[in-house]
């Protein structure tokens, strides 16, 4: 097994059977990178100090402005409906059970 911390699907780490879900997980991580134009995780002395997916999920749950999370080069120019949908899809992709979220596919 090889990979980068913060990007490996939980199945690889836990030793569980690897399923097609690992590809869904990777797609979600890729969406986060596209949205932020940066890495999903920042490390400081082997400690996670800024986990972008958590910031997105918290912002969605609190109803905060998602434009503050996207690449600064966009200068706030983004379609809010599309941005919200992309954020929700990315969050669902990295969840163990996306049906348990309050922003799943039906919401």
PDB file of N, CA and C in Angstrom:
ATOM      1  N   UNK A   1       0.842  -1.170   0.000  1.00  0.00           N
ATOM      2  CA  UNK A   1       0.000   0.000   0.000  1.00  0.00           C
ATOM      3  C   UNK A   1       0.891   1.239   0.000  1.00  0.00           C
ATOM      4  N   UNK A   2       0.544   2.181  -0.844  1.00  0.00           N
ATOM      5  CA  UNK A   2       1.248   3.452  -0.892  1.00  0.00           C
ATOM      6  C   UNK A   2       0.243   4.564  -1.052  1.00  0.00           C
ATOM      7  N   UNK A   3       0.596   5.701  -0.549  1.00  0.00           N
ATOM      8  CA  UNK A   3      -0.281   6.842  -0.691  1.00  0.00           C
ATOM      9  C   UNK A   3       0.136   7.965   0.225  1.00  0.00           C
ATOM     10  N   UNK A   4      -0.576   9.042   0.119  1.00  0.00           N
ATOM     11  CA  UNK A   4      -0.275  10.243   0.887  1.00  0.00           C
ATOM     12  C   UNK A   4      -1.269  10.372   2.030  1.00  0.00           C
ATOM     13  N   UNK A   5      -0.779  10.708   3.208  1.00  0.00           N
ATOM     14  CA  UNK A   5      -1.638  10.893   4.372  1.00  0.00           C
ATOM     15  C   UNK A   5      -2.714  11.931   4.046  1.00  0.00           C
ATOM     16  N   UNK A   6      -3.933  11.615   4.404  1.00  0.00           N
ATOM     17  CA  UNK A   6      -5.043  12.516   4.133  1.00  0.00           C
ATOM     18  C   UNK A   6      -5.742  12.239   2.816  1.00  0.00           C
ATOM     19  N   UNK A   7      -5.156  11.375   1.998  1.00  0.00           N
ATOM     20  CA  UNK A   7      -5.734  11.079   0.691  1.00  0.00           C
ATOM     21  C   UNK A   7      -6.120   9.611   0.545  1.00  0.00           C
ATOM     22  N   UNK A   8      -5.635   8.764   1.421  1.00  0.00           N
ATOM     23  CA  UNK A   8      -5.953   7.342   1.342  1.00  0.00           C
ATOM     24  C   UNK A   8      -7.352   7.070   1.852  1.00  0.00           C
ATOM     25  N   UNK A   9      -8.062   6.207   1.138  1.00  0.00           N
ATOM     26  CA  UNK A   9      -9.392   5.798   1.593  1.00  0.00           C
ATOM     27  C   UNK A   9      -9.248   5.008   2.884  1.00  0.00           C
ATOM     28  N   UNK A  10     -10.210   5.133   3.778  1.00  0.00           N
ATOM     29  CA  UNK A  10     -10.135   4.431   5.066  1.00  0.00           C
ATOM     30  C   UNK A  10      -9.947   2.921   4.932  1.00  0.00           C
ATOM     31  N   UNK A  11     -10.472   2.329   3.858  1.00  0.00           N
ATOM     32  CA  UNK A  11     -10.339   0.882   3.671  1.00  0.00           C
ATOM     33  C   UNK A  11      -8.877   0.458   3.588  1.00  0.00           C
ATOM     34  N   UNK A  12      -8.051   1.272   2.955  1.00  0.00           N
ATOM     35  CA  UNK A  12      -6.635   0.948   2.824  1.00  0.00           C
ATOM     36  C   UNK A  12      -5.960   0.958   4.183  1.00  0.00           C
ATOM     37  N   UNK A  13      -6.338   1.874   5.029  1.00  0.00           N
ATOM     38  CA  UNK A  13      -5.692   2.031   6.328  1.00  0.00           C
ATOM     39  C   UNK A  13      -6.188   0.988   7.329  1.00  0.00           C
ATOM     40  N   UNK A  14      -7.488   0.718   7.329  1.00  0.00           N
ATOM     41  CA  UNK A  14      -8.081  -0.174   8.323  1.00  0.00           C
ATOM     42  C   UNK A  14      -7.875  -1.648   8.011  1.00  0.00           C
ATOM     43  N   UNK A  15      -7.479  -1.948   6.789  1.00  0.00           N
ATOM     44  CA  UNK A  15      -7.298  -3.351   6.414  1.00  0.00           C
ATOM     45  C   UNK A  15      -8.587  -4.026   5.980  1.00  0.00           C
ATOM     46  N   UNK A  16      -9.675  -3.266   5.882  1.00  0.00           N
ATOM     47  CA  UNK A  16     -10.943  -3.830   5.412  1.00  0.00           C
ATOM     48  C   UNK A  16     -10.830  -4.174   3.930  1.00  0.00           C
ATOM     49  N   UNK A  17     -11.789  -4.927   3.443  1.00  0.00           N
ATOM     50  CA  UNK A  17     -11.824  -5.267   2.020  1.00  0.00           C
ATOM     51  C   UNK A  17     -11.946  -3.985   1.205  1.00  0.00           C
ATOM     52  N   UNK A  18     -11.141  -3.884   0.167  1.00  0.00           N
ATOM     53  CA  UNK A  18     -11.172  -2.707  -0.695  1.00  0.00           C
ATOM     54  C   UNK A  18     -12.308  -2.866  -1.691  1.00  0.00           C
ATOM     55  N   UNK A  19     -13.148  -1.849  -1.780  1.00  0.00           N
ATOM     56  CA  UNK A  19     -14.318  -1.873  -2.653  1.00  0.00           C
ATOM     57  C   UNK A  19     -14.217  -0.720  -3.648  1.00  0.00           C
ATOM     58  N   UNK A  20     -15.140  -0.645  -4.600  1.00  0.00           N
ATOM     59  CA  UNK A  20     -15.144   0.510  -5.514  1.00  0.00           C
ATOM     60  C   UNK A  20     -15.306   1.845  -4.797  1.00  0.00           C
ATOM     61  N   UNK A  21     -15.715   1.817  -3.515  1.00  0.00           N
ATOM     62  CA  UNK A  21     -15.869   3.047  -2.737  1.00  0.00           C
ATOM     63  C   UNK A  21     -14.557   3.828  -2.653  1.00  0.00           C
ATOM     64  N   UNK A  22     -13.407   3.143  -2.765  1.00  0.00           N
ATOM     65  CA  UNK A  22     -12.135   3.866  -2.690  1.00  0.00           C
ATOM     66  C   UNK A  22     -12.011   4.855  -3.841  1.00  0.00           C
ATOM     67  N   UNK A  23     -12.587   4.517  -4.986  1.00  0.00           N
ATOM     68  CA  UNK A  23     -12.567   5.441  -6.124  1.00  0.00           C
ATOM     69  C   UNK A  23     -13.488   6.633  -5.873  1.00  0.00           C
ATOM     70  N   UNK A  24     -14.620   6.395  -5.240  1.00  0.00           N
ATOM     71  CA  UNK A  24     -15.549   7.466  -4.891  1.00  0.00           C
ATOM     72  C   UNK A  24     -14.874   8.409  -3.900  1.00  0.00           C
ATOM     73  N   UNK A  25     -14.183   7.835  -2.919  1.00  0.00           N
ATOM     74  CA  UNK A  25     -13.449   8.620  -1.929  1.00  0.00           C
ATOM     75  C   UNK A  25     -12.418   9.505  -2.634  1.00  0.00           C
ATOM     76  N   UNK A  26     -11.663   8.924  -3.546  1.00  0.00           N
ATOM     77  CA  UNK A  26     -10.638   9.690  -4.269  1.00  0.00           C
ATOM     78  C   UNK A  26     -11.255  10.802  -5.104  1.00  0.00           C
ATOM     79  N   UNK A  27     -12.414  10.532  -5.707  1.00  0.00           N
ATOM     80  CA  UNK A  27     -13.109  11.560  -6.484  1.00  0.00           C
ATOM     81  C   UNK A  27     -13.499  12.734  -5.586  1.00  0.00           C
ATOM     82  N   UNK A  28     -14.001  12.432  -4.393  1.00  0.00           N
ATOM     83  CA  UNK A  28     -14.355  13.490  -3.450  1.00  0.00           C
ATOM     84  C   UNK A  28     -13.156  14.334  -3.071  1.00  0.00           C
ATOM     85  N   UNK A  29     -12.028  13.689  -2.808  1.00  0.00           N
ATOM     86  CA  UNK A  29     -10.805  14.418  -2.471  1.00  0.00           C
ATOM     87  C   UNK A  29     -10.359  15.298  -3.639  1.00  0.00           C
ATOM     88  N   UNK A  30     -10.498  14.788  -4.864  1.00  0.00           N
ATOM     89  CA  UNK A  30     -10.149  15.566  -6.048  1.00  0.00           C
ATOM     90  C   UNK A  30     -11.054  16.791  -6.174  1.00  0.00           C
ATOM     91  N   UNK A  31     -12.345  16.625  -5.923  1.00  0.00           N
ATOM     92  CA  UNK A  31     -13.268  17.767  -5.966  1.00  0.00           C
ATOM     93  C   UNK A  31     -12.846  18.848  -4.977  1.00  0.00           C
ATOM     94  N   UNK A  32     -12.459  18.445  -3.777  1.00  0.00           N
ATOM     95  CA  UNK A  32     -11.991  19.420  -2.788  1.00  0.00           C
ATOM     96  C   UNK A  32     -10.769  20.177  -3.306  1.00  0.00           C
ATOM     97  N   UNK A  33      -9.853  19.475  -3.951  1.00  0.00           N
ATOM     98  CA  UNK A  33      -8.657  20.134  -4.489  1.00  0.00           C
ATOM     99  C   UNK A  33      -9.017  21.115  -5.597  1.00  0.00           C
ATOM    100  N   UNK A  34      -9.958  20.747  -6.433  1.00  0.00           N
ATOM    101  CA  UNK A  34     -10.391  21.641  -7.510  1.00  0.00           C
ATOM    102  C   UNK A  34     -11.033  22.898  -6.917  1.00  0.00           C
ATOM    103  N   UNK A  35     -11.861  22.717  -5.902  1.00  0.00           N
ATOM    104  CA  UNK A  35     -12.550  23.847  -5.285  1.00  0.00           C
ATOM    105  C   UNK A  35     -11.581  24.828  -4.632  1.00  0.00           C
ATOM    106  N   UNK A  36     -10.585  24.301  -3.966  1.00  0.00           N
ATOM    107  CA  UNK A  36      -9.681  25.168  -3.207  1.00  0.00           C
ATOM    108  C   UNK A  36      -8.414  25.527  -3.967  1.00  0.00           C
ATOM    109  N   UNK A  37      -8.139  24.794  -5.042  1.00  0.00           N
ATOM    110  CA  UNK A  37      -6.900  24.952  -5.789  1.00  0.00           C
ATOM    111  C   UNK A  37      -5.694  24.708  -4.883  1.00  0.00           C
ATOM    112  N   UNK A  38      -5.835  23.752  -4.000  1.00  0.00           N
ATOM    113  CA  UNK A  38      -4.745  23.425  -3.089  1.00  0.00           C
ATOM    114  C   UNK A  38      -4.918  22.044  -2.493  1.00  0.00           C
ATOM    115  N   UNK A  39      -4.011  21.686  -1.614  1.00  0.00           N
ATOM    116  CA  UNK A  39      -4.059  20.388  -0.954  1.00  0.00           C
ATOM    117  C   UNK A  39      -5.218  20.337   0.041  1.00  0.00           C
ATOM    118  N   UNK A  40      -5.674  19.129   0.306  1.00  0.00           N
ATOM    119  CA  UNK A  40      -6.769  18.926   1.251  1.00  0.00           C
ATOM    120  C   UNK A  40      -6.336  19.043   2.698  1.00  0.00           C
ATOM    121  N   UNK A  41      -5.045  18.900   2.921  1.00  0.00           N
ATOM    122  CA  UNK A  41      -4.568  18.820   4.295  1.00  0.00           C
ATOM    123  C   UNK A  41      -3.236  19.550   4.413  1.00  0.00           C
ATOM    124  N   UNK A  42      -3.078  20.277   5.490  1.00  0.00           N
ATOM    125  CA  UNK A  42      -1.801  20.918   5.793  1.00  0.00           C
ATOM    126  C   UNK A  42      -1.266  20.277   7.059  1.00  0.00           C
ATOM    127  N   UNK A  43       0.020  19.965   7.051  1.00  0.00           N
ATOM    128  CA  UNK A  43       0.637  19.321   8.202  1.00  0.00           C
ATOM    129  C   UNK A  43       1.632  20.271   8.848  1.00  0.00           C
ATOM    130  N   UNK A  44       1.676  20.250  10.151  1.00  0.00           N
ATOM    131  CA  UNK A  44       2.635  21.028  10.913  1.00  0.00           C
ATOM    132  C   UNK A  44       3.168  20.117  12.011  1.00  0.00           C
ATOM    133  N   UNK A  45       4.434  19.772  11.917  1.00  0.00           N
ATOM    134  CA  UNK A  45       5.061  18.863  12.892  1.00  0.00           C
ATOM    135  C   UNK A  45       4.270  17.565  13.032  1.00  0.00           C
ATOM    136  N   UNK A  46       3.934  16.948  11.906  1.00  0.00           N
ATOM    137  CA  UNK A  46       3.181  15.688  11.865  1.00  0.00           C
ATOM    138  C   UNK A  46       1.780  15.784  12.471  1.00  0.00           C
ATOM    139  N   UNK A  47       1.265  16.972  12.661  1.00  0.00           N
ATOM    140  CA  UNK A  47      -0.090  17.166  13.172  1.00  0.00           C
ATOM    141  C   UNK A  47      -0.926  17.841  12.086  1.00  0.00           C
ATOM    142  N   UNK A  48      -2.153  17.396  11.939  1.00  0.00           N
ATOM    143  CA  UNK A  48      -3.061  18.021  10.988  1.00  0.00           C
ATOM    144  C   UNK A  48      -3.471  19.372  11.550  1.00  0.00           C
ATOM    145  N   UNK A  49      -3.224  20.448  10.793  1.00  0.00           N
ATOM    146  CA  UNK A  49      -3.589  21.763  11.312  1.00  0.00           C
ATOM    147  C   UNK A  49      -4.697  22.419  10.492  1.00  0.00           C
ATOM    148  N   UNK A  50      -4.953  21.930   9.299  1.00  0.00           N
ATOM    149  CA  UNK A  50      -5.986  22.540   8.478  1.00  0.00           C
ATOM    150  C   UNK A  50      -6.506  21.487   7.507  1.00  0.00           C
ATOM    151  N   UNK A  51      -7.672  20.929   7.795  1.00  0.00           N
ATOM    152  CA  UNK A  51      -8.245  19.876   6.962  1.00  0.00           C
ATOM    153  C   UNK A  51      -9.405  20.473   6.174  1.00  0.00           C
ATOM    154  N   UNK A  52      -9.177  20.736   4.895  1.00  0.00           N
ATOM    155  CA  UNK A  52     -10.144  21.437   4.059  1.00  0.00           C
ATOM    156  C   UNK A  52     -11.510  20.751   4.020  1.00  0.00           C
ATOM    157  N   UNK A  53     -11.596  19.421   3.855  1.00  0.00           N
ATOM    158  CA  UNK A  53     -12.929  18.802   3.854  1.00  0.00           C
ATOM    159  C   UNK A  53     -13.732  19.096   5.118  1.00  0.00           C
ATOM    160  N   UNK A  54     -13.090  19.133   6.263  1.00  0.00           N
ATOM    161  CA  UNK A  54     -13.805  19.460   7.504  1.00  0.00           C
ATOM    162  C   UNK A  54     -14.286  20.901   7.479  1.00  0.00           C
ATOM    163  N   UNK A  55     -13.468  21.805   6.962  1.00  0.00           N
ATOM    164  CA  UNK A  55     -13.881  23.206   6.866  1.00  0.00           C
ATOM    165  C   UNK A  55     -15.117  23.342   5.987  1.00  0.00           C
ATOM    166  N   UNK A  56     -15.158  22.602   4.877  1.00  0.00           N
ATOM    167  CA  UNK A  56     -16.309  22.656   3.970  1.00  0.00           C
ATOM    168  C   UNK A  56     -17.554  22.109   4.662  1.00  0.00           C
ATOM    169  N   UNK A  57     -17.425  20.938   5.292  1.00  0.00           N
ATOM    170  CA  UNK A  57     -18.578  20.325   5.959  1.00  0.00           C
ATOM    171  C   UNK A  57     -19.128  21.238   7.056  1.00  0.00           C
ATOM    172  N   UNK A  58     -18.259  21.843   7.824  1.00  0.00           N
ATOM    173  CA  UNK A  58     -18.695  22.758   8.885  1.00  0.00           C
ATOM    174  C   UNK A  58     -19.407  23.967   8.291  1.00  0.00           C
ATOM    175  N   UNK A  59     -18.843  24.518   7.214  1.00  0.00           N
ATOM    176  CA  UNK A  59     -19.463  25.680   6.561  1.00  0.00           C
ATOM    177  C   UNK A  59     -20.850  25.332   6.028  1.00  0.00           C
ATOM    178  N   UNK A  60     -20.996  24.160   5.431  1.00  0.00           N
ATOM    179  CA  UNK A  60     -22.300  23.735   4.913  1.00  0.00           C
ATOM    180  C   UNK A  60     -23.297  23.598   6.066  1.00  0.00           C
ATOM    181  N   UNK A  61     -22.891  22.905   7.116  1.00  0.00           N
ATOM    182  CA  UNK A  61     -23.793  22.668   8.246  1.00  0.00           C
ATOM    183  C   UNK A  61     -24.198  23.950   8.962  1.00  0.00           C
ATOM    184  N   UNK A  62     -23.315  24.937   8.977  1.00  0.00           N
ATOM    185  CA  UNK A  62     -23.625  26.213   9.625  1.00  0.00           C
ATOM    186  C   UNK A  62     -24.292  27.208   8.682  1.00  0.00           C
ATOM    187  N   UNK A  63     -24.398  26.848   7.394  1.00  0.00           N
ATOM    188  CA  UNK A  63     -24.995  27.747   6.416  1.00  0.00           C
ATOM    189  C   UNK A  63     -24.103  28.935   6.082  1.00  0.00           C
ATOM    190  N   UNK A  64     -22.803  28.782   6.248  1.00  0.00           N
ATOM    191  CA  UNK A  64     -21.853  29.863   5.977  1.00  0.00           C
ATOM    192  C   UNK A  64     -21.605  30.021   4.484  1.00  0.00           C
ATOM    193  N   UNK A  65     -21.040  31.145   4.118  1.00  0.00           N
ATOM    194  CA  UNK A  65     -20.719  31.462   2.730  1.00  0.00           C
ATOM    195  C   UNK A  65     -19.583  30.567   2.247  1.00  0.00           C
ATOM    196  N   UNK A  66     -19.847  29.743   1.242  1.00  0.00           N
ATOM    197  CA  UNK A  66     -18.844  28.825   0.712  1.00  0.00           C
ATOM    198  C   UNK A  66     -17.822  29.525  -0.179  1.00  0.00           C
ATOM    199  N   UNK A  67     -18.142  30.728  -0.643  1.00  0.00           N
ATOM    200  CA  UNK A  67     -17.201  31.450  -1.506  1.00  0.00           C
ATOM    201  C   UNK A  67     -15.882  31.751  -0.801  1.00  0.00           C
ATOM    202  N   UNK A  68     -15.917  31.823   0.513  1.00  0.00           N
ATOM    203  CA  UNK A  68     -14.690  32.097   1.256  1.00  0.00           C
ATOM    204  C   UNK A  68     -13.717  30.922   1.212  1.00  0.00           C
ATOM    205  N   UNK A  69     -14.195  29.755   0.794  1.00  0.00           N
ATOM    206  CA  UNK A  69     -13.366  28.557   0.773  1.00  0.00           C
ATOM    207  C   UNK A  69     -12.751  28.253  -0.589  1.00  0.00           C
ATOM    208  N   UNK A  70     -13.261  28.866  -1.643  1.00  0.00           N
ATOM    209  CA  UNK A  70     -12.767  28.537  -2.978  1.00  0.00           C
ATOM    210  C   UNK A  70     -11.503  29.327  -3.301  1.00  0.00           C
ATOM    211  N   UNK A  71     -10.876  28.935  -4.380  1.00  0.00           N
ATOM    212  CA  UNK A  71      -9.636  29.554  -4.830  1.00  0.00           C
ATOM    213  C   UNK A  71      -9.800  31.068  -4.921  1.00  0.00           C
ATOM    214  N   UNK A  72      -8.874  31.806  -4.305  1.00  0.00           N
ATOM    215  CA  UNK A  72      -8.917  33.274  -4.310  1.00  0.00           C
ATOM    216  C   UNK A  72      -8.847  33.860  -5.713  1.00  0.00           C
ATOM    217  N   UNK A  73      -8.251  33.118  -6.630  1.00  0.00           N
ATOM    218  CA  UNK A  73      -8.122  33.608  -8.010  1.00  0.00           C
ATOM    219  C   UNK A  73      -9.480  33.794  -8.690  1.00  0.00           C
ATOM    220  N   UNK A  74     -10.503  33.150  -8.154  1.00  0.00           N
ATOM    221  CA  UNK A  74     -11.849  33.304  -8.716  1.00  0.00           C
ATOM    222  C   UNK A  74     -12.460  34.649  -8.349  1.00  0.00           C
ATOM    223  N   UNK A  75     -11.878  35.310  -7.352  1.00  0.00           N
ATOM    224  CA  UNK A  75     -12.343  36.615  -6.896  1.00  0.00           C
ATOM    225  C   UNK A  75     -13.837  36.626  -6.594  1.00  0.00           C
ATOM    226  N   UNK A  76     -14.324  35.526  -6.039  1.00  0.00           N
ATOM    227  CA  UNK A  76     -15.731  35.453  -5.664  1.00  0.00           C
ATOM    228  C   UNK A  76     -16.677  35.178  -6.814  1.00  0.00           C
ATOM    229  N   UNK A  77     -16.148  34.962  -8.002  1.00  0.00           N
ATOM    230  CA  UNK A  77     -16.994  34.694  -9.167  1.00  0.00           C
ATOM    231  C   UNK A  77     -17.250  33.198  -9.294  1.00  0.00           C
ATOM    232  N   UNK A  78     -18.349  32.760  -8.736  1.00  0.00           N
ATOM    233  CA  UNK A  78     -18.742  31.359  -8.820  1.00  0.00           C
ATOM    234  C   UNK A  78     -20.251  31.280  -8.727  1.00  0.00           C
ATOM    235  N   UNK A  79     -20.806  30.309  -9.406  1.00  0.00           N
ATOM    236  CA  UNK A  79     -22.234  30.055  -9.333  1.00  0.00           C
ATOM    237  C   UNK A  79     -22.505  29.351  -8.004  1.00  0.00           C
ATOM    238  N   UNK A  80     -23.231  30.002  -7.105  1.00  0.00           N
ATOM    239  CA  UNK A  80     -23.442  29.468  -5.760  1.00  0.00           C
ATOM    240  C   UNK A  80     -24.151  28.113  -5.758  1.00  0.00           C
ATOM    241  N   UNK A  81     -25.096  27.931  -6.653  1.00  0.00           N
ATOM    242  CA  UNK A  81     -25.802  26.650  -6.714  1.00  0.00           C
ATOM    243  C   UNK A  81     -24.839  25.532  -7.103  1.00  0.00           C
ATOM    244  N   UNK A  82     -24.013  25.766  -8.104  1.00  0.00           N
ATOM    245  CA  UNK A  82     -23.046  24.763  -8.539  1.00  0.00           C
ATOM    246  C   UNK A  82     -21.972  24.532  -7.476  1.00  0.00           C
ATOM    247  N   UNK A  83     -21.519  25.602  -6.842  1.00  0.00           N
ATOM    248  CA  UNK A  83     -20.510  25.488  -5.797  1.00  0.00           C
ATOM    249  C   UNK A  83     -21.048  24.674  -4.617  1.00  0.00           C
ATOM    250  N   UNK A  84     -22.245  24.979  -4.194  1.00  0.00           N
ATOM    251  CA  UNK A  84     -22.859  24.253  -3.082  1.00  0.00           C
ATOM    252  C   UNK A  84     -23.018  22.783  -3.435  1.00  0.00           C
ATOM    253  N   UNK A  85     -23.483  22.506  -4.638  1.00  0.00           N
ATOM    254  CA  UNK A  85     -23.664  21.123  -5.071  1.00  0.00           C
ATOM    255  C   UNK A  85     -22.325  20.391  -5.087  1.00  0.00           C
ATOM    256  N   UNK A  86     -21.280  21.002  -5.633  1.00  0.00           N
ATOM    257  CA  UNK A  86     -19.961  20.370  -5.696  1.00  0.00           C
ATOM    258  C   UNK A  86     -19.426  20.099  -4.289  1.00  0.00           C
ATOM    259  N   UNK A  87     -19.620  21.036  -3.372  1.00  0.00           N
ATOM    260  CA  UNK A  87     -19.169  20.849  -1.989  1.00  0.00           C
ATOM    261  C   UNK A  87     -19.910  19.690  -1.328  1.00  0.00           C
ATOM    262  N   UNK A  88     -21.214  19.628  -1.529  1.00  0.00           N
ATOM    263  CA  UNK A  88     -22.009  18.554  -0.936  1.00  0.00           C
ATOM    264  C   UNK A  88     -21.635  17.199  -1.521  1.00  0.00           C
ATOM    265  N   UNK A  89     -21.419  17.144  -2.829  1.00  0.00           N
ATOM    266  CA  UNK A  89     -21.010  15.888  -3.469  1.00  0.00           C
ATOM    267  C   UNK A  89     -19.667  15.440  -2.916  1.00  0.00           C
ATOM    268  N   UNK A  90     -18.718  16.358  -2.820  1.00  0.00           N
ATOM    269  CA  UNK A  90     -17.396  16.011  -2.294  1.00  0.00           C
ATOM    270  C   UNK A  90     -17.506  15.481  -0.866  1.00  0.00           C
ATOM    271  N   UNK A  91     -18.320  16.135  -0.042  1.00  0.00           N
ATOM    272  CA  UNK A  91     -18.500  15.677   1.340  1.00  0.00           C
ATOM    273  C   UNK A  91     -19.121  14.286   1.376  1.00  0.00           C
ATOM    274  N   UNK A  92     -20.121  14.046   0.556  1.00  0.00           N
ATOM    275  CA  UNK A  92     -20.767  12.735   0.527  1.00  0.00           C
ATOM    276  C   UNK A  92     -19.801  11.645   0.067  1.00  0.00           C
ATOM    277  N   UNK A  93     -18.918  11.983  -0.856  1.00  0.00           N
ATOM    278  CA  UNK A  93     -17.966  10.998  -1.383  1.00  0.00           C
ATOM    279  C   UNK A  93     -16.992  10.491  -0.330  1.00  0.00           C
ATOM    280  N   UNK A  94     -16.658  11.320   0.639  1.00  0.00           N
ATOM    281  CA  UNK A  94     -15.671  10.878   1.630  1.00  0.00           C
ATOM    282  C   UNK A  94     -16.302  10.364   2.913  1.00  0.00           C
ATOM    283  N   UNK A  95     -17.629  10.350   2.995  1.00  0.00           N
ATOM    284  CA  UNK A  95     -18.330   9.836   4.169  1.00  0.00           C
ATOM    285  C   UNK A  95     -18.373   8.314   4.130  1.00  0.00           C
ATOM    286  N   UNK A  96     -18.363   7.689   5.305  1.00  0.00           N
ATOM    287  CA  UNK A  96     -18.548   6.241   5.361  1.00  0.00           C
ATOM    288  C   UNK A  96     -19.935   5.868   4.852  1.00  0.00           C
ATOM    289  N   UNK A  97     -20.939   6.665   5.248  1.00  0.00           N
ATOM    290  CA  UNK A  97     -22.315   6.423   4.828  1.00  0.00           C
ATOM    291  C   UNK A  97     -22.953   7.765   4.502  1.00  0.00           C
ATOM    292  N   UNK A  98     -22.921   8.174   3.221  1.00  0.00           N
ATOM    293  CA  UNK A  98     -23.445   9.492   2.862  1.00  0.00           C
ATOM    294  C   UNK A  98     -24.931   9.658   3.151  1.00  0.00           C
ATOM    295  N   UNK A  99     -25.666   8.584   3.316  1.00  0.00           N
ATOM    296  CA  UNK A  99     -27.096   8.699   3.628  1.00  0.00           C
ATOM    297  C   UNK A  99     -27.325   9.246   5.031  1.00  0.00           C
ATOM    298  N   UNK A 100     -26.289   9.206   5.872  1.00  0.00           N
ATOM    299  CA  UNK A 100     -26.428   9.691   7.242  1.00  0.00           C
ATOM    300  C   UNK A 100     -26.166  11.193   7.352  1.00  0.00           C
ATOM    301  N   UNK A 101     -25.770  11.847   6.271  1.00  0.00           N
ATOM    302  CA  UNK A 101     -25.531  13.288   6.312  1.00  0.00           C
ATOM    303  C   UNK A 101     -26.841  14.027   6.112  1.00  0.00           C
ATOM    304  N   UNK A 102     -26.893  15.268   6.553  1.00  0.00           N
ATOM    305  CA  UNK A 102     -28.100  16.059   6.342  1.00  0.00           C
ATOM    306  C   UNK A 102     -28.026  16.837   5.033  1.00  0.00           C
ATOM    307  N   UNK A 103     -26.987  16.599   4.238  1.00  0.00           N
ATOM    308  CA  UNK A 103     -26.865  17.280   2.949  1.00  0.00           C
ATOM    309  C   UNK A 103     -26.606  16.248   1.854  1.00  0.00           C
ATOM    310  N   UNK A 104     -27.211  15.090   1.978  1.00  0.00           N
ATOM    311  CA  UNK A 104     -27.014  14.005   1.029  1.00  0.00           C
ATOM    312  C   UNK A 104     -27.653  14.313  -0.313  1.00  0.00           C
ATOM    313  N   UNK A 105     -27.645  13.321  -1.189  1.00  0.00           N
ATOM    314  CA  UNK A 105     -28.113  13.498  -2.566  1.00  0.00           C
ATOM    315  C   UNK A 105     -29.508  14.061  -2.701  1.00  0.00           C
ATOM    316  N   UNK A 106     -30.407  13.756  -1.766  1.00  0.00           N
ATOM    317  CA  UNK A 106     -31.775  14.234  -1.866  1.00  0.00           C
ATOM    318  C   UNK A 106     -31.966  15.655  -1.341  1.00  0.00           C
ATOM    319  N   UNK A 107     -30.935  16.225  -0.725  1.00  0.00           N
ATOM    320  CA  UNK A 107     -31.086  17.551  -0.127  1.00  0.00           C
ATOM    321  C   UNK A 107     -30.375  18.614  -0.907  1.00  0.00           C
TER     322      UNK A 107
END
